[in-house]
Protein backbone atom coordinates (compact mmCIF):
# COMPACT_ATOMS: atom_id res chain seq x y z
CA UNK A 1 4.20 14.17 -2.03
CA UNK A 2 3.21 16.12 -5.77
CA UNK A 3 0.35 15.01 -8.13
CA UNK A 4 1.43 15.24 -11.52
CA UNK A 5 -0.91 15.23 -14.56
CA UNK A 6 0.87 14.41 -17.98
CA UNK A 7 -0.66 14.56 -21.39
CA UNK A 8 0.99 11.98 -23.62
CA UNK A 9 0.86 11.14 -27.48
CA UNK A 10 2.00 7.72 -29.05
CA UNK A 11 2.41 5.83 -31.83
CA UNK A 12 0.39 2.72 -30.54
CA UNK A 13 1.68 0.26 -33.54
CA UNK A 14 4.68 -1.06 -31.81
CA UNK A 15 3.17 -2.19 -28.37
CA UNK A 16 0.47 -4.58 -27.09
CA UNK A 17 -1.23 -1.95 -25.36
CA UNK A 18 -1.11 0.51 -22.95
CA UNK A 19 -1.43 -1.80 -19.72
CA UNK A 20 1.54 -3.85 -19.07
CA UNK A 21 1.10 -7.36 -21.11
CA UNK A 22 3.04 -10.74 -20.76
CA UNK A 23 3.15 -10.41 -24.59
CA UNK A 24 4.93 -7.35 -25.75
CA UNK A 25 6.00 -4.05 -24.90
CA UNK A 26 3.71 -1.51 -22.99
CA UNK A 27 3.56 2.35 -23.00
CA UNK A 28 2.57 2.20 -19.46
CA UNK A 29 5.95 -0.03 -18.88
CA UNK A 30 7.81 2.90 -20.63
CA UNK A 31 6.58 5.70 -19.05
CA UNK A 32 7.09 4.41 -15.54
CA UNK A 33 10.36 2.94 -16.20
CA UNK A 34 11.41 6.88 -17.35
CA UNK A 35 9.55 8.11 -14.17
CA UNK A 36 11.93 5.90 -12.07
CA UNK A 37 14.82 6.81 -14.61
CA UNK A 38 14.52 10.33 -14.04
CA UNK A 39 13.21 10.42 -10.17
CA UNK A 40 15.06 7.92 -8.91
CA UNK A 41 11.69 6.53 -7.45
CA UNK A 42 9.06 4.01 -8.57
CA UNK A 43 6.06 5.68 -9.52
CA UNK A 44 2.71 3.65 -10.21
CA UNK A 45 0.63 5.67 -12.97
CA UNK A 46 -2.99 6.08 -13.44
CA UNK A 47 -4.24 6.67 -16.97
CA UNK A 48 -7.41 7.80 -18.47
CA UNK A 49 -8.33 4.93 -20.89
CA UNK A 50 -6.47 1.91 -21.46
CA UNK A 51 -6.06 1.79 -25.10
CA UNK A 52 -5.71 -1.39 -27.11
CA UNK A 53 -3.03 -3.09 -29.19
CA UNK A 54 -2.29 -1.21 -32.31
CA UNK A 55 -4.35 2.18 -30.96
CA UNK A 56 -2.76 5.45 -30.98
CA UNK A 57 -3.25 8.65 -28.86
CA UNK A 58 -3.18 11.92 -29.09
CA UNK A 59 -4.22 13.25 -25.99
CA UNK A 60 -3.57 10.43 -23.53
CA UNK A 61 -3.81 11.70 -20.07
CA UNK A 62 -1.74 9.86 -17.19
CA UNK A 63 -0.68 10.80 -13.44
CA UNK A 64 1.55 9.58 -10.65
CA UNK A 65 2.61 10.77 -7.41
CA UNK A 66 6.26 11.52 -6.50
CA UNK A 67 8.33 13.33 -4.17
CA UNK A 68 10.51 14.68 -6.36
CA UNK A 69 10.91 18.72 -6.79
CA UNK A 70 11.82 18.26 -10.52
CA UNK A 71 9.93 21.52 -12.03
CA UNK A 72 7.28 20.69 -14.43
CA UNK A 73 9.20 22.17 -17.39
CA UNK A 74 11.90 19.83 -16.64
CA UNK A 75 9.79 16.58 -15.67
CA UNK A 76 8.37 16.99 -19.44
CA UNK A 77 12.01 17.13 -20.91
CA UNK A 78 13.55 15.23 -18.69
CA UNK A 79 10.93 12.43 -19.01
CA UNK A 80 11.31 12.77 -22.83
CA UNK A 81 14.95 11.87 -22.86
CA UNK A 82 14.27 8.06 -21.39
CA UNK A 83 11.19 7.56 -23.44
CA UNK A 84 11.14 6.05 -26.81
CA UNK A 85 10.46 8.11 -30.49
CA UNK A 86 7.33 6.70 -30.49
CA UNK A 87 5.99 8.48 -27.09
CA UNK A 88 5.79 11.93 -26.50
CA UNK A 89 5.25 14.01 -23.49
CA UNK A 90 2.90 17.17 -24.92
CA UNK A 91 2.51 18.65 -21.49
CA UNK A 92 3.37 17.86 -17.37
CA UNK A 93 1.98 19.80 -14.89
CA UNK A 94 1.14 19.46 -11.05
CA UNK A 95 -2.33 19.12 -9.88
CA UNK A 96 -4.04 18.70 -6.78
CA UNK A 97 -3.99 15.52 -4.16
CA UNK A 98 -7.69 14.90 -5.56
CA UNK A 99 -7.05 14.54 -9.38
CA UNK A 100 -7.30 11.17 -10.43
CA UNK A 101 -6.19 10.28 -14.21
CA UNK A 102 -9.53 7.64 -14.44
CA UNK A 103 -12.25 8.78 -12.60
CA UNK A 104 -11.80 12.41 -12.80
CA UNK A 105 -12.58 12.11 -16.36
CA UNK A 106 -15.88 13.46 -17.54
CA UNK A 107 -15.71 12.58 -20.98
CA UNK A 108 -13.46 10.92 -24.17
CA UNK A 109 -12.74 11.84 -27.21
CA UNK A 110 -11.83 9.36 -29.98
CA UNK A 111 -11.08 9.80 -33.49
CA UNK A 112 -11.66 6.85 -36.36
CA UNK A 113 -9.44 7.35 -39.37
CA UNK A 114 -10.80 5.88 -42.84
CA UNK A 115 -8.76 5.90 -46.23
CA UNK A 116 -11.61 5.34 -48.42
CA UNK A 117 -9.44 4.16 -51.80
CA UNK A 118 -8.88 1.57 -54.10
CA UNK A 119 -5.45 2.40 -53.80
CA UNK A 120 -3.78 1.74 -50.21
CA UNK A 121 -1.08 4.41 -49.16
CA UNK A 122 1.80 2.08 -47.95
CA UNK A 123 3.10 4.55 -45.45
CA UNK A 124 -0.58 4.91 -44.15
CA UNK A 125 -0.97 0.99 -43.15
CA UNK A 126 -0.43 1.75 -39.56
CA UNK A 127 -2.26 4.59 -39.25
CA UNK A 128 -5.35 4.07 -40.67
CA UNK A 129 -7.77 1.77 -41.91
CA UNK A 130 -8.02 0.99 -45.48
CA UNK A 131 -11.23 0.51 -47.44
CA UNK A 132 -11.69 -0.04 -50.72
CA UNK A 133 -15.51 0.06 -51.29
CA UNK A 134 -17.22 3.50 -51.87
CA UNK A 135 -18.91 4.80 -48.72
CA UNK A 136 -21.55 7.07 -47.91
CA UNK A 137 -20.39 9.36 -45.16
CA UNK A 138 -23.83 11.13 -45.02
CA UNK A 139 -25.48 7.93 -44.73
CA UNK A 140 -23.12 6.94 -42.16
CA UNK A 141 -23.38 10.23 -39.86
CA UNK A 142 -27.07 9.92 -40.21
CA UNK A 143 -27.13 6.47 -38.80
CA UNK A 144 -24.59 7.13 -36.19
CA UNK A 145 -27.20 9.88 -34.87
CA UNK A 146 -29.45 6.80 -33.51
CA UNK A 147 -26.46 6.30 -30.90
CA UNK A 148 -26.96 9.71 -28.98
CA UNK A 149 -27.69 9.78 -25.41
CA UNK A 150 -27.82 7.30 -22.74
CA UNK A 151 -28.23 3.58 -23.53
CA UNK A 152 -26.91 0.05 -23.01
CA UNK A 153 -24.22 -0.25 -25.61
CA UNK A 154 -23.67 -3.97 -24.88
CA UNK A 155 -24.08 -4.46 -28.54
CA UNK A 156 -20.81 -3.25 -29.28
CA UNK A 157 -18.96 -4.58 -26.68
CA UNK A 158 -16.55 -7.37 -27.15
CA UNK A 159 -16.46 -9.18 -23.10
CA UNK A 160 -19.90 -8.93 -22.13
CA UNK A 161 -20.68 -9.15 -19.62
CA UNK A 162 -18.32 -6.81 -17.28
CA UNK A 163 -18.33 -6.36 -13.82
CA UNK A 164 -19.99 -2.94 -13.90
CA UNK A 165 -22.61 -1.60 -16.51
CA UNK A 166 -22.48 -1.30 -20.25
CA UNK A 167 -24.71 1.72 -19.88
CA UNK A 168 -22.91 5.09 -21.24
CA UNK A 169 -24.20 8.50 -22.68
CA UNK A 170 -22.91 9.36 -25.97
CA UNK A 171 -22.66 13.10 -26.59
CA UNK A 172 -21.55 12.97 -30.19
CA UNK A 173 -20.82 11.43 -33.22
CA UNK A 174 -19.76 12.89 -36.43
CA UNK A 175 -18.85 11.28 -39.70
CA UNK A 176 -17.18 13.41 -42.37
CA UNK A 177 -15.62 12.92 -45.24
CA UNK A 178 -12.25 15.14 -45.83
CA UNK A 179 -8.84 15.48 -47.81
CA UNK A 180 -6.92 15.22 -44.74
CA UNK A 181 -7.73 14.80 -41.27
CA UNK A 182 -6.88 16.63 -38.36
CA UNK A 183 -4.42 15.41 -35.78
CA UNK A 184 -4.72 17.70 -32.63
CA UNK A 185 -8.09 19.51 -33.43
CA UNK A 186 -11.18 19.35 -34.98
CA UNK A 187 -11.50 19.92 -38.67
CA UNK A 188 -14.51 22.68 -38.87
CA UNK A 189 -17.16 22.79 -41.69
CA UNK A 190 -15.66 25.73 -43.68
CA UNK A 191 -12.75 23.95 -44.19
CA UNK A 192 -14.51 20.77 -45.66
CA UNK A 193 -16.18 22.65 -47.86
CA UNK A 194 -13.59 24.01 -49.48
CA UNK A 195 -12.16 20.94 -50.25
CA UNK A 196 -12.73 18.89 -53.64
CA UNK A 197 -15.00 15.71 -53.34
CA UNK A 198 -12.15 13.87 -55.70
CA UNK A 199 -9.26 14.57 -53.39
CA UNK A 200 -11.35 13.95 -50.37
CA UNK A 201 -10.08 10.18 -49.73
CA UNK A 202 -10.58 10.17 -45.89
CA UNK A 203 -13.80 9.56 -43.72
CA UNK A 204 -13.05 10.27 -40.03
CA UNK A 205 -15.67 9.10 -37.10
CA UNK A 206 -15.51 11.24 -34.16
CA UNK A 207 -17.09 9.57 -31.21
CA UNK A 208 -17.32 11.48 -27.68
CA UNK A 209 -19.05 9.81 -24.18
CA UNK A 210 -18.57 9.92 -20.65
CA UNK A 211 -17.08 6.52 -20.85
CA UNK A 212 -16.45 3.69 -23.44
CA UNK A 213 -16.54 -0.39 -23.47
CA UNK A 214 -14.22 -2.59 -24.68
CA UNK A 215 -13.66 -2.27 -28.40
CA UNK A 216 -16.89 -0.03 -28.19
CA UNK A 217 -15.63 2.46 -30.76
CA UNK A 218 -14.55 0.12 -33.35
CA UNK A 219 -17.57 -2.04 -33.01
CA UNK A 220 -19.14 1.15 -33.61
CA UNK A 221 -17.38 2.01 -36.79
CA UNK A 222 -17.41 -1.52 -37.74
CA UNK A 223 -21.62 -0.89 -37.77
CA UNK A 224 -21.69 2.27 -39.77
CA UNK A 225 -19.44 0.64 -42.60
CA UNK A 226 -22.27 -1.65 -43.33
CA UNK A 227 -24.67 1.26 -43.66
CA UNK A 228 -21.74 2.83 -46.00
CA UNK A 229 -21.69 0.22 -48.05
CA UNK A 230 -25.70 0.11 -48.67
CA UNK A 231 -26.16 -3.06 -46.71
CA UNK A 232 -27.84 -1.84 -43.43
CA UNK A 233 -29.91 1.30 -42.69
CA UNK A 234 -30.57 3.83 -39.74
CA UNK A 235 -33.60 1.25 -39.04
CA UNK A 236 -30.89 -1.35 -38.86
CA UNK A 237 -28.64 0.17 -36.07
CA UNK A 238 -31.80 1.06 -34.29
CA UNK A 239 -32.58 -2.15 -33.80
CA UNK A 240 -29.20 -3.44 -33.14
CA UNK A 241 -29.26 -1.06 -30.08
CA UNK A 242 -32.42 -2.08 -28.86
CA UNK A 243 -31.19 -6.12 -29.08
CA UNK A 244 -28.34 -5.59 -27.11
CA UNK A 245 -26.94 -8.46 -28.98
CA UNK A 246 -22.94 -7.96 -30.04
CA UNK A 247 -23.55 -10.68 -32.76
CA UNK A 248 -25.63 -8.75 -34.33
CA UNK A 249 -23.75 -5.77 -34.83
CA UNK A 250 -21.11 -4.83 -37.69
CA UNK A 251 -17.23 -6.20 -37.26
CA UNK A 252 -14.76 -4.86 -34.91
CA UNK A 253 -13.01 -2.05 -37.12
CA UNK A 254 -8.73 -2.45 -37.23
CA UNK A 255 -7.42 -1.03 -34.55
CA UNK A 256 -4.65 0.86 -36.19
CA UNK A 257 -7.31 3.22 -37.34
CA UNK A 258 -8.47 4.53 -33.96
CA UNK A 259 -7.09 7.37 -31.90
CA UNK A 260 -7.57 8.92 -28.49
CA UNK A 261 -7.81 12.43 -29.19
CA UNK A 262 -8.73 13.88 -25.79
CA UNK A 263 -9.83 13.55 -22.25
CA UNK A 264 -11.85 16.16 -20.29
CA UNK A 265 -11.95 16.79 -17.19
CA UNK A 266 -13.84 19.19 -14.39
CA UNK A 267 -12.20 22.76 -14.50
């Protein structure tokens, strides 16, 4: 039995999320149907992170087991034939039987994109969060550093209590203003410094952790937005984290601005 790892990108705006849902189409259903059509076998698909309705992915990772002998290069192109244009197979490769898309992951990177302008762009409305009031990205970044390290993040969790634990380790939180946002990689500081401030209408929030709670990134962004408009300070963020009360944190930011960028696994 072969174990196949898929790296996927998708536009989540037309889906009810990754997981199969009774209330609308899901990315999971599309991928599993494509696998069955190509291999003539039903293969349950495991996934690194169950993205919510409207959330996008640039580097989602899934895995499935199959008896098919189709080479990985042909698996990639073959699956694409049966998938809608909103889902892209970036890579297909065979991995060891021990690989598990969910449990083998060591960290994930999410990116939240804010269009900080009084003039919203209609063709971006599904892919960024529009915010018309001026934001101080440097203050947002400074406040975000209070979340680094190992903490109980239940104050940013929509459905607490969960079945396991709300403790996670935050490894990076970067807020930066930019004229464009990087699709596949990370925008370097040299690129940022070369851009004129008047044209830097976008703010990106990159968050890297060993795992995430339900709506955690969007709740963190909603909290940092309160800092960005000057309503809250770094001390307020400290108190919110220590208080472990979701009602004290900021609102849940819209799903359309969120991207699962990358999932890392042990070498």
